[in-house]
PDB file of N, CA and C in Angstrom:
ATOM      1  N   MET A   1       0.840  -1.186   0.000  1.00  0.00           N
ATOM      2  CA  MET A   1       0.000   0.000   0.000  1.00  0.00           C
ATOM      3  C   MET A   1       0.875   1.235   0.000  1.00  0.00           C
ATOM      4  N   THR A   2       0.588   2.136  -0.865  1.00  0.00           N
ATOM      5  CA  THR A   2       1.276   3.406  -0.900  1.00  0.00           C
ATOM      6  C   THR A   2       0.482   4.402  -0.064  1.00  0.00           C
ATOM      7  N   ALA A   3       1.038   4.808   1.045  1.00  0.00           N
ATOM      8  CA  ALA A   3       0.332   5.741   1.922  1.00  0.00           C
ATOM      9  C   ALA A   3       0.567   7.159   1.424  1.00  0.00           C
ATOM     10  N   ASN A   4      -0.502   7.820   1.032  1.00  0.00           N
ATOM     11  CA  ASN A   4      -0.396   9.196   0.583  1.00  0.00           C
ATOM     12  C   ASN A   4      -0.463  10.160   1.763  1.00  0.00           C
ATOM     13  N   ALA A   5      -1.301   9.831   2.722  1.00  0.00           N
ATOM     14  CA  ALA A   5      -1.462  10.705   3.884  1.00  0.00           C
ATOM     15  C   ALA A   5      -2.321  10.004   4.927  1.00  0.00           C
ATOM     16  N   ASP A   6      -2.290  10.559   6.116  1.00  0.00           N
ATOM     17  CA  ASP A   6      -3.188  10.126   7.180  1.00  0.00           C
ATOM     18  C   ASP A   6      -4.178  11.255   7.412  1.00  0.00           C
ATOM     19  N   HIS A   7      -5.383  10.880   7.732  1.00  0.00           N
ATOM     20  CA  HIS A   7      -6.398  11.869   8.064  1.00  0.00           C
ATOM     21  C   HIS A   7      -6.927  11.527   9.454  1.00  0.00           C
ATOM     22  N   TRP A   8      -6.929  12.515  10.348  1.00  0.00           N
ATOM     23  CA  TRP A   8      -7.394  12.331  11.720  1.00  0.00           C
ATOM     24  C   TRP A   8      -8.701  13.094  11.910  1.00  0.00           C
ATOM     25  N   THR A   9      -9.613  12.497  12.650  1.00  0.00           N
ATOM     26  CA  THR A   9     -10.833  13.187  13.051  1.00  0.00           C
ATOM     27  C   THR A   9     -11.085  12.949  14.526  1.00  0.00           C
ATOM     28  N   TYR A  10     -11.358  14.031  15.227  1.00  0.00           N
ATOM     29  CA  TYR A  10     -11.705  13.957  16.646  1.00  0.00           C
ATOM     30  C   TYR A  10     -13.220  13.989  16.762  1.00  0.00           C
ATOM     31  N   ASP A  11     -13.784  13.075  17.501  1.00  0.00           N
ATOM     32  CA  ASP A  11     -15.223  13.010  17.725  1.00  0.00           C
ATOM     33  C   ASP A  11     -15.576  14.032  18.800  1.00  0.00           C
ATOM     34  N   ARG A  12     -16.176  15.127  18.399  1.00  0.00           N
ATOM     35  CA  ARG A  12     -16.484  16.225  19.332  1.00  0.00           C
ATOM     36  C   ARG A  12     -17.748  15.990  20.153  1.00  0.00           C
ATOM     37  N   ARG A  13     -18.480  14.968  19.834  1.00  0.00           N
ATOM     38  CA  ARG A  13     -19.702  14.675  20.584  1.00  0.00           C
ATOM     39  C   ARG A  13     -19.352  14.186  21.986  1.00  0.00           C
ATOM     40  N   PRO A  14     -19.949  14.778  23.021  1.00  0.00           N
ATOM     41  CA  PRO A  14     -19.703  14.275  24.380  1.00  0.00           C
ATOM     42  C   PRO A  14     -20.229  12.843  24.505  1.00  0.00           C
ATOM     43  N   ARG A  15     -19.370  11.945  24.979  1.00  0.00           N
ATOM     44  CA  ARG A  15     -19.746  10.536  25.090  1.00  0.00           C
ATOM     45  C   ARG A  15     -19.534  10.068  26.520  1.00  0.00           C
ATOM     46  N   PHE A  16     -20.548   9.398  27.064  1.00  0.00           N
ATOM     47  CA  PHE A  16     -20.509   8.930  28.441  1.00  0.00           C
ATOM     48  C   PHE A  16     -20.889   7.458  28.484  1.00  0.00           C
ATOM     49  N   ASP A  17     -20.176   6.703  29.320  1.00  0.00           N
ATOM     50  CA  ASP A  17     -20.518   5.287  29.477  1.00  0.00           C
ATOM     51  C   ASP A  17     -21.693   5.158  30.451  1.00  0.00           C
ATOM     52  N   ARG A  18     -22.083   3.941  30.739  1.00  0.00           N
ATOM     53  CA  ARG A  18     -23.247   3.692  31.607  1.00  0.00           C
ATOM     54  C   ARG A  18     -23.073   4.256  33.016  1.00  0.00           C
ATOM     55  N   SER A  19     -21.831   4.372  33.465  1.00  0.00           N
ATOM     56  CA  SER A  19     -21.598   4.885  34.818  1.00  0.00           C
ATOM     57  C   SER A  19     -21.411   6.403  34.842  1.00  0.00           C
ATOM     58  N   GLY A  20     -21.476   7.047  33.687  1.00  0.00           N
ATOM     59  CA  GLY A  20     -21.350   8.496  33.622  1.00  0.00           C
ATOM     60  C   GLY A  20     -19.947   9.000  33.346  1.00  0.00           C
ATOM     61  N   ARG A  21     -18.999   8.106  33.146  1.00  0.00           N
ATOM     62  CA  ARG A  21     -17.623   8.505  32.852  1.00  0.00           C
ATOM     63  C   ARG A  21     -17.535   8.974  31.403  1.00  0.00           C
ATOM     64  N   ARG A  22     -16.853  10.093  31.175  1.00  0.00           N
ATOM     65  CA  ARG A  22     -16.731  10.662  29.836  1.00  0.00           C
ATOM     66  C   ARG A  22     -15.556  10.032  29.090  1.00  0.00           C
ATOM     67  N   TRP A  23     -15.752   9.817  27.783  1.00  0.00           N
ATOM     68  CA  TRP A  23     -14.753   9.228  26.900  1.00  0.00           C
ATOM     69  C   TRP A  23     -14.517  10.122  25.690  1.00  0.00           C
ATOM     70  N   HIS A  24     -13.311  10.043  25.146  1.00  0.00           N
ATOM     71  CA  HIS A  24     -12.938  10.791  23.952  1.00  0.00           C
ATOM     72  C   HIS A  24     -12.448   9.813  22.892  1.00  0.00           C
ATOM     73  N   PHE A  25     -12.768  10.124  21.628  1.00  0.00           N
ATOM     74  CA  PHE A  25     -12.409   9.244  20.519  1.00  0.00           C
ATOM     75  C   PHE A  25     -11.837  10.050  19.355  1.00  0.00           C
ATOM     76  N   ALA A  26     -10.870   9.461  18.689  1.00  0.00           N
ATOM     77  CA  ALA A  26     -10.320  10.032  17.457  1.00  0.00           C
ATOM     78  C   ALA A  26     -10.075   8.885  16.484  1.00  0.00           C
ATOM     79  N   SER A  27     -10.352   9.144  15.229  1.00  0.00           N
ATOM     80  CA  SER A  27     -10.158   8.141  14.185  1.00  0.00           C
ATOM     81  C   SER A  27      -8.990   8.542  13.299  1.00  0.00           C
ATOM     82  N   ARG A  28      -8.251   7.543  12.880  1.00  0.00           N
ATOM     83  CA  ARG A  28      -7.143   7.758  11.954  1.00  0.00           C
ATOM     84  C   ARG A  28      -7.430   6.934  10.705  1.00  0.00           C
ATOM     85  N   PHE A  29      -7.478   7.625   9.590  1.00  0.00           N
ATOM     86  CA  PHE A  29      -7.723   6.989   8.306  1.00  0.00           C
ATOM     87  C   PHE A  29      -6.430   7.050   7.497  1.00  0.00           C
ATOM     88  N   MET A  30      -5.986   5.923   6.994  1.00  0.00           N
ATOM     89  CA  MET A  30      -4.814   5.878   6.143  1.00  0.00           C
ATOM     90  C   MET A  30      -5.301   5.986   4.698  1.00  0.00           C
ATOM     91  N   LEU A  31      -4.915   7.065   4.063  1.00  0.00           N
ATOM     92  CA  LEU A  31      -5.384   7.338   2.715  1.00  0.00           C
ATOM     93  C   LEU A  31      -4.351   6.866   1.703  1.00  0.00           C
ATOM     94  N   ALA A  32      -4.817   6.193   0.712  1.00  0.00           N
ATOM     95  CA  ALA A  32      -3.956   5.735  -0.375  1.00  0.00           C
ATOM     96  C   ALA A  32      -4.808   5.635  -1.631  1.00  0.00           C
ATOM     97  N   SER A  33      -4.441   6.375  -2.635  1.00  0.00           N
ATOM     98  CA  SER A  33      -5.261   6.419  -3.846  1.00  0.00           C
ATOM     99  C   SER A  33      -5.282   5.087  -4.590  1.00  0.00           C
ATOM    100  N   ASP A  34      -4.267   4.261  -4.373  1.00  0.00           N
ATOM    101  CA  ASP A  34      -4.194   2.995  -5.101  1.00  0.00           C
ATOM    102  C   ASP A  34      -4.819   1.814  -4.355  1.00  0.00           C
ATOM    103  N   VAL A  35      -5.466   2.086  -3.208  1.00  0.00           N
ATOM    104  CA  VAL A  35      -6.075   1.016  -2.412  1.00  0.00           C
ATOM    105  C   VAL A  35      -7.561   1.338  -2.222  1.00  0.00           C
ATOM    106  N   PRO A  36      -8.450   0.405  -2.522  1.00  0.00           N
ATOM    107  CA  PRO A  36      -9.883   0.655  -2.318  1.00  0.00           C
ATOM    108  C   PRO A  36     -10.191   0.977  -0.852  1.00  0.00           C
ATOM    109  N   TYR A  37     -11.207   1.772  -0.641  1.00  0.00           N
ATOM    110  CA  TYR A  37     -11.599   2.234   0.694  1.00  0.00           C
ATOM    111  C   TYR A  37     -11.727   1.090   1.688  1.00  0.00           C
ATOM    112  N   GLU A  38     -12.427   0.036   1.348  1.00  0.00           N
ATOM    113  CA  GLU A  38     -12.669  -1.086   2.256  1.00  0.00           C
ATOM    114  C   GLU A  38     -11.408  -1.882   2.590  1.00  0.00           C
ATOM    115  N   GLU A  39     -10.358  -1.708   1.816  1.00  0.00           N
ATOM    116  CA  GLU A  39      -9.104  -2.428   2.031  1.00  0.00           C
ATOM    117  C   GLU A  39      -8.099  -1.624   2.861  1.00  0.00           C
ATOM    118  N   ARG A  40      -8.408  -0.382   3.158  1.00  0.00           N
ATOM    119  CA  ARG A  40      -7.486   0.491   3.899  1.00  0.00           C
ATOM    120  C   ARG A  40      -7.560   0.230   5.402  1.00  0.00           C
ATOM    121  N   PRO A  41      -6.436   0.396   6.104  1.00  0.00           N
ATOM    122  CA  PRO A  41      -6.453   0.268   7.567  1.00  0.00           C
ATOM    123  C   PRO A  41      -7.280   1.382   8.212  1.00  0.00           C
ATOM    124  N   PHE A  42      -7.770   1.087   9.408  1.00  0.00           N
ATOM    125  CA  PHE A  42      -8.548   2.052  10.177  1.00  0.00           C
ATOM    126  C   PHE A  42      -8.171   1.898  11.641  1.00  0.00           C
ATOM    127  N   GLU A  43      -7.997   3.018  12.341  1.00  0.00           N
ATOM    128  CA  GLU A  43      -7.673   2.993  13.767  1.00  0.00           C
ATOM    129  C   GLU A  43      -8.625   3.915  14.521  1.00  0.00           C
ATOM    130  N   LEU A  44      -9.030   3.459  15.692  1.00  0.00           N
ATOM    131  CA  LEU A  44      -9.859   4.257  16.577  1.00  0.00           C
ATOM    132  C   LEU A  44      -9.140   4.351  17.925  1.00  0.00           C
ATOM    133  N   TYR A  45      -8.780   5.568  18.308  1.00  0.00           N
ATOM    134  CA  TYR A  45      -8.082   5.832  19.569  1.00  0.00           C
ATOM    135  C   TYR A  45      -9.091   6.332  20.588  1.00  0.00           C
ATOM    136  N   PHE A  46      -8.839   6.026  21.859  1.00  0.00           N
ATOM    137  CA  PHE A  46      -9.777   6.450  22.904  1.00  0.00           C
ATOM    138  C   PHE A  46      -9.042   6.723  24.208  1.00  0.00           C
ATOM    139  N   TRP A  47      -9.675   7.511  25.050  1.00  0.00           N
ATOM    140  CA  TRP A  47      -9.209   7.736  26.427  1.00  0.00           C
ATOM    141  C   TRP A  47     -10.377   8.203  27.272  1.00  0.00           C
ATOM    142  N   ASP A  48     -10.255   7.949  28.571  1.00  0.00           N
ATOM    143  CA  ASP A  48     -11.293   8.406  29.485  1.00  0.00           C
ATOM    144  C   ASP A  48     -10.890   9.763  30.058  1.00  0.00           C
ATOM    145  N   GLU A  49     -11.888  10.495  30.494  1.00  0.00           N
ATOM    146  CA  GLU A  49     -11.682  11.865  30.971  1.00  0.00           C
ATOM    147  C   GLU A  49     -10.667  11.955  32.112  1.00  0.00           C
ATOM    148  N   ASP A  50     -10.589  10.916  32.946  1.00  0.00           N
ATOM    149  CA  ASP A  50      -9.652  10.923  34.069  1.00  0.00           C
ATOM    150  C   ASP A  50      -8.224  10.580  33.642  1.00  0.00           C
ATOM    151  N   ARG A  51      -8.060  10.266  32.379  1.00  0.00           N
ATOM    152  CA  ARG A  51      -6.757   9.890  31.807  1.00  0.00           C
ATOM    153  C   ARG A  51      -6.168   8.645  32.469  1.00  0.00           C
ATOM    154  N   ASN A  52      -7.044   7.717  32.811  1.00  0.00           N
ATOM    155  CA  ASN A  52      -6.600   6.446  33.384  1.00  0.00           C
ATOM    156  C   ASN A  52      -6.458   5.362  32.323  1.00  0.00           C
ATOM    157  N   GLU A  53      -7.233   5.466  31.266  1.00  0.00           N
ATOM    158  CA  GLU A  53      -7.233   4.439  30.235  1.00  0.00           C
ATOM    159  C   GLU A  53      -7.049   5.070  28.860  1.00  0.00           C
ATOM    160  N   PHE A  54      -6.019   4.634  28.168  1.00  0.00           N
ATOM    161  CA  PHE A  54      -5.748   5.045  26.799  1.00  0.00           C
ATOM    162  C   PHE A  54      -5.664   3.783  25.962  1.00  0.00           C
ATOM    163  N   GLY A  55      -6.178   3.842  24.746  1.00  0.00           N
ATOM    164  CA  GLY A  55      -6.102   2.648  23.928  1.00  0.00           C
ATOM    165  C   GLY A  55      -6.357   2.902  22.460  1.00  0.00           C
ATOM    166  N   ARG A  56      -6.280   1.795  21.703  1.00  0.00           N
ATOM    167  CA  ARG A  56      -6.436   1.869  20.259  1.00  0.00           C
ATOM    168  C   ARG A  56      -7.020   0.557  19.751  1.00  0.00           C
ATOM    169  N   LEU A  57      -7.942   0.689  18.825  1.00  0.00           N
ATOM    170  CA  LEU A  57      -8.488  -0.457  18.111  1.00  0.00           C
ATOM    171  C   LEU A  57      -8.099  -0.282  16.647  1.00  0.00           C
ATOM    172  N   ARG A  58      -7.479  -1.304  16.077  1.00  0.00           N
ATOM    173  CA  ARG A  58      -7.019  -1.206  14.687  1.00  0.00           C
ATOM    174  C   ARG A  58      -7.557  -2.375  13.874  1.00  0.00           C
ATOM    175  N   PHE A  59      -7.986  -2.041  12.678  1.00  0.00           N
ATOM    176  CA  PHE A  59      -8.356  -3.041  11.694  1.00  0.00           C
ATOM    177  C   PHE A  59      -7.418  -2.872  10.509  1.00  0.00           C
ATOM    178  N   GLU A  60      -6.759  -3.937  10.124  1.00  0.00           N
ATOM    179  CA  GLU A  60      -5.841  -3.874   8.980  1.00  0.00           C
ATOM    180  C   GLU A  60      -6.579  -3.519   7.695  1.00  0.00           C
ATOM    181  N   ARG A  61      -7.821  -3.974   7.623  1.00  0.00           N
ATOM    182  CA  ARG A  61      -8.679  -3.618   6.498  1.00  0.00           C
ATOM    183  C   ARG A  61     -10.018  -3.183   7.068  1.00  0.00           C
ATOM    184  N   ARG A  62     -10.504  -2.060   6.623  1.00  0.00           N
ATOM    185  CA  ARG A  62     -11.767  -1.520   7.131  1.00  0.00           C
ATOM    186  C   ARG A  62     -12.882  -2.559   7.063  1.00  0.00           C
ATOM    187  N   LYS A  63     -12.889  -3.374   6.050  1.00  0.00           N
ATOM    188  CA  LYS A  63     -13.964  -4.353   5.899  1.00  0.00           C
ATOM    189  C   LYS A  63     -13.898  -5.476   6.940  1.00  0.00           C
ATOM    190  N   ASP A  64     -12.805  -5.567   7.698  1.00  0.00           N
ATOM    191  CA  ASP A  64     -12.685  -6.575   8.750  1.00  0.00           C
ATOM    192  C   ASP A  64     -13.396  -6.186  10.046  1.00  0.00           C
ATOM    193  N   ASN A  65     -13.923  -4.974  10.115  1.00  0.00           N
ATOM    194  CA  ASN A  65     -14.631  -4.495  11.294  1.00  0.00           C
ATOM    195  C   ASN A  65     -15.948  -5.277  11.440  1.00  0.00           C
ATOM    196  N   PRO A  66     -16.101  -6.086  12.515  1.00  0.00           N
ATOM    197  CA  PRO A  66     -17.309  -6.898  12.663  1.00  0.00           C
ATOM    198  C   PRO A  66     -18.502  -6.138  13.249  1.00  0.00           C
ATOM    199  N   TYR A  67     -18.314  -4.874  13.610  1.00  0.00           N
ATOM    200  CA  TYR A  67     -19.378  -4.106  14.243  1.00  0.00           C
ATOM    201  C   TYR A  67     -20.185  -3.362  13.184  1.00  0.00           C
ATOM    202  N   ARG A  68     -21.459  -3.185  13.449  1.00  0.00           N
ATOM    203  CA  ARG A  68     -22.370  -2.590  12.460  1.00  0.00           C
ATOM    204  C   ARG A  68     -21.944  -1.206  12.016  1.00  0.00           C
ATOM    205  N   ASP A  69     -21.585  -0.385  12.979  1.00  0.00           N
ATOM    206  CA  ASP A  69     -21.293   1.005  12.651  1.00  0.00           C
ATOM    207  C   ASP A  69     -20.432   1.636  13.746  1.00  0.00           C
ATOM    208  N   TYR A  70     -20.093   2.876  13.555  1.00  0.00           N
ATOM    209  CA  TYR A  70     -19.239   3.610  14.479  1.00  0.00           C
ATOM    210  C   TYR A  70     -19.849   3.673  15.876  1.00  0.00           C
ATOM    211  N   GLU A  71     -21.138   3.971  15.970  1.00  0.00           N
ATOM    212  CA  GLU A  71     -21.802   4.106  17.268  1.00  0.00           C
ATOM    213  C   GLU A  71     -21.726   2.808  18.068  1.00  0.00           C
ATOM    214  N   THR A  72     -21.924   1.690  17.416  1.00  0.00           N
ATOM    215  CA  THR A  72     -21.849   0.392  18.087  1.00  0.00           C
ATOM    216  C   THR A  72     -20.438   0.136  18.602  1.00  0.00           C
ATOM    217  N   LEU A  73     -19.462   0.465  17.804  1.00  0.00           N
ATOM    218  CA  LEU A  73     -18.065   0.269  18.179  1.00  0.00           C
ATOM    219  C   LEU A  73     -17.690   1.135  19.381  1.00  0.00           C
ATOM    220  N   VAL A  74     -18.069   2.394  19.355  1.00  0.00           N
ATOM    221  CA  VAL A  74     -17.781   3.308  20.464  1.00  0.00           C
ATOM    222  C   VAL A  74     -18.471   2.831  21.742  1.00  0.00           C
ATOM    223  N   SER A  75     -19.707   2.415  21.631  1.00  0.00           N
ATOM    224  CA  SER A  75     -20.450   1.928  22.794  1.00  0.00           C
ATOM    225  C   SER A  75     -19.779   0.685  23.390  1.00  0.00           C
ATOM    226  N   LYS A  76     -19.319  -0.212  22.558  1.00  0.00           N
ATOM    227  CA  LYS A  76     -18.647  -1.427  23.038  1.00  0.00           C
ATOM    228  C   LYS A  76     -17.365  -1.068  23.791  1.00  0.00           C
ATOM    229  N   ILE A  77     -16.593  -0.138  23.263  1.00  0.00           N
ATOM    230  CA  ILE A  77     -15.355   0.278  23.937  1.00  0.00           C
ATOM    231  C   ILE A  77     -15.670   0.900  25.295  1.00  0.00           C
ATOM    232  N   MET A  78     -16.654   1.772  25.338  1.00  0.00           N
ATOM    233  CA  MET A  78     -16.980   2.462  26.588  1.00  0.00           C
ATOM    234  C   MET A  78     -17.570   1.531  27.639  1.00  0.00           C
ATOM    235  N   ASN A  79     -18.421   0.609  27.233  1.00  0.00           N
ATOM    236  CA  ASN A  79     -19.231  -0.139  28.184  1.00  0.00           C
ATOM    237  C   ASN A  79     -18.826  -1.588  28.411  1.00  0.00           C
ATOM    238  N   ASP A  80     -17.856  -2.081  27.675  1.00  0.00           N
ATOM    239  CA  ASP A  80     -17.420  -3.470  27.837  1.00  0.00           C
ATOM    240  C   ASP A  80     -15.962  -3.467  28.312  1.00  0.00           C
ATOM    241  N   SER A  81     -15.780  -3.470  29.627  1.00  0.00           N
ATOM    242  CA  SER A  81     -14.425  -3.344  30.191  1.00  0.00           C
ATOM    243  C   SER A  81     -13.530  -4.519  29.803  1.00  0.00           C
ATOM    244  N   GLU A  82     -14.082  -5.701  29.663  1.00  0.00           N
ATOM    245  CA  GLU A  82     -13.274  -6.861  29.263  1.00  0.00           C
ATOM    246  C   GLU A  82     -12.762  -6.695  27.829  1.00  0.00           C
ATOM    247  N   PHE A  83     -13.612  -6.237  26.941  1.00  0.00           N
ATOM    248  CA  PHE A  83     -13.217  -5.964  25.560  1.00  0.00           C
ATOM    249  C   PHE A  83     -12.149  -4.874  25.521  1.00  0.00           C
ATOM    250  N   ARG A  84     -12.394  -3.799  26.274  1.00  0.00           N
ATOM    251  CA  ARG A  84     -11.490  -2.649  26.301  1.00  0.00           C
ATOM    252  C   ARG A  84     -10.120  -3.017  26.859  1.00  0.00           C
ATOM    253  N   LEU A  85     -10.075  -3.933  27.801  1.00  0.00           N
ATOM    254  CA  LEU A  85      -8.817  -4.346  28.425  1.00  0.00           C
ATOM    255  C   LEU A  85      -7.792  -4.793  27.378  1.00  0.00           C
ATOM    256  N   GLY A  86      -8.240  -5.486  26.351  1.00  0.00           N
ATOM    257  CA  GLY A  86      -7.344  -5.950  25.305  1.00  0.00           C
ATOM    258  C   GLY A  86      -6.886  -4.863  24.360  1.00  0.00           C
ATOM    259  N   LEU A  87      -7.461  -3.678  24.475  1.00  0.00           N
ATOM    260  CA  LEU A  87      -7.118  -2.570  23.584  1.00  0.00           C
ATOM    261  C   LEU A  87      -6.265  -1.509  24.262  1.00  0.00           C
ATOM    262  N   LEU A  88      -6.098  -1.616  25.575  1.00  0.00           N
ATOM    263  CA  LEU A  88      -5.373  -0.581  26.314  1.00  0.00           C
ATOM    264  C   LEU A  88      -3.918  -0.514  25.879  1.00  0.00           C
ATOM    265  N   ASP A  89      -3.448   0.718  25.705  1.00  0.00           N
ATOM    266  CA  ASP A  89      -2.072   0.970  25.291  1.00  0.00           C
ATOM    267  C   ASP A  89      -1.687   2.362  25.783  1.00  0.00           C
ATOM    268  N   PRO A  90      -1.017   2.451  26.946  1.00  0.00           N
ATOM    269  CA  PRO A  90      -0.661   3.755  27.505  1.00  0.00           C
ATOM    270  C   PRO A  90       0.165   4.621  26.552  1.00  0.00           C
ATOM    271  N   GLU A  91       0.891   3.998  25.635  1.00  0.00           N
ATOM    272  CA  GLU A  91       1.703   4.752  24.677  1.00  0.00           C
ATOM    273  C   GLU A  91       0.852   5.625  23.758  1.00  0.00           C
ATOM    274  N   THR A  92      -0.418   5.285  23.594  1.00  0.00           N
ATOM    275  CA  THR A  92      -1.269   6.082  22.712  1.00  0.00           C
ATOM    276  C   THR A  92      -1.630   7.433  23.328  1.00  0.00           C
ATOM    277  N   SER A  93      -1.250   7.672  24.557  1.00  0.00           N
ATOM    278  CA  SER A  93      -1.546   8.970  25.188  1.00  0.00           C
ATOM    279  C   SER A  93      -0.917  10.117  24.409  1.00  0.00           C
ATOM    280  N   ARG A  94       0.161   9.851  23.706  1.00  0.00           N
ATOM    281  CA  ARG A  94       0.822  10.924  22.950  1.00  0.00           C
ATOM    282  C   ARG A  94      -0.038  11.412  21.790  1.00  0.00           C
ATOM    283  N   VAL A  95      -0.959  10.580  21.309  1.00  0.00           N
ATOM    284  CA  VAL A  95      -1.862  10.988  20.236  1.00  0.00           C
ATOM    285  C   VAL A  95      -2.700  12.181  20.674  1.00  0.00           C
ATOM    286  N   TRP A  96      -3.043  12.229  21.960  1.00  0.00           N
ATOM    287  CA  TRP A  96      -3.950  13.252  22.447  1.00  0.00           C
ATOM    288  C   TRP A  96      -3.266  14.596  22.663  1.00  0.00           C
ATOM    289  N   LYS A  97      -2.009  14.692  22.342  1.00  0.00           N
ATOM    290  CA  LYS A  97      -1.316  15.974  22.396  1.00  0.00           C
ATOM    291  C   LYS A  97      -1.524  16.755  21.090  1.00  0.00           C
ATOM    292  N   ARG A  98      -2.166  16.117  20.119  1.00  0.00           N
ATOM    293  CA  ARG A  98      -2.440  16.764  18.828  1.00  0.00           C
ATOM    294  C   ARG A  98      -3.436  17.893  19.031  1.00  0.00           C
ATOM    295  N   SER A  99      -3.413  18.825  18.127  1.00  0.00           N
ATOM    296  CA  SER A  99      -4.410  19.893  18.134  1.00  0.00           C
ATOM    297  C   SER A  99      -5.607  19.430  17.308  1.00  0.00           C
ATOM    298  N   TRP A 100      -6.765  19.413  17.910  1.00  0.00           N
ATOM    299  CA  TRP A 100      -7.967  18.926  17.214  1.00  0.00           C
ATOM    300  C   TRP A 100      -8.840  20.067  16.729  1.00  0.00           C
ATOM    301  N   LYS A 101      -8.289  21.249  16.661  1.00  0.00           N
ATOM    302  CA  LYS A 101      -9.093  22.416  16.248  1.00  0.00           C
ATOM    303  C   LYS A 101      -9.126  22.562  14.754  1.00  0.00           C
TER     304      LYS A 101
END
């Protein structure tokens, strides 16, 4: 895959899990003109408001995502601690130093 650029989007919608804890999400899209959209990698980064949990979910190919849509995926990360445990990566905290304006 020839990577032309990365595109980042910060989800500005306030998101809260069942216990009321706030979460933040950003998506990273790897753009490549020579690779079909469904074949491109996709990453979803997350952290909780208290900065206790940082993580990333990556699909090598967008079409490998088994979840119906973005909302379902975000809800699973926020509300399924066992699922989220496998995605935790404290090193991803540096992603949140980006300017999302």
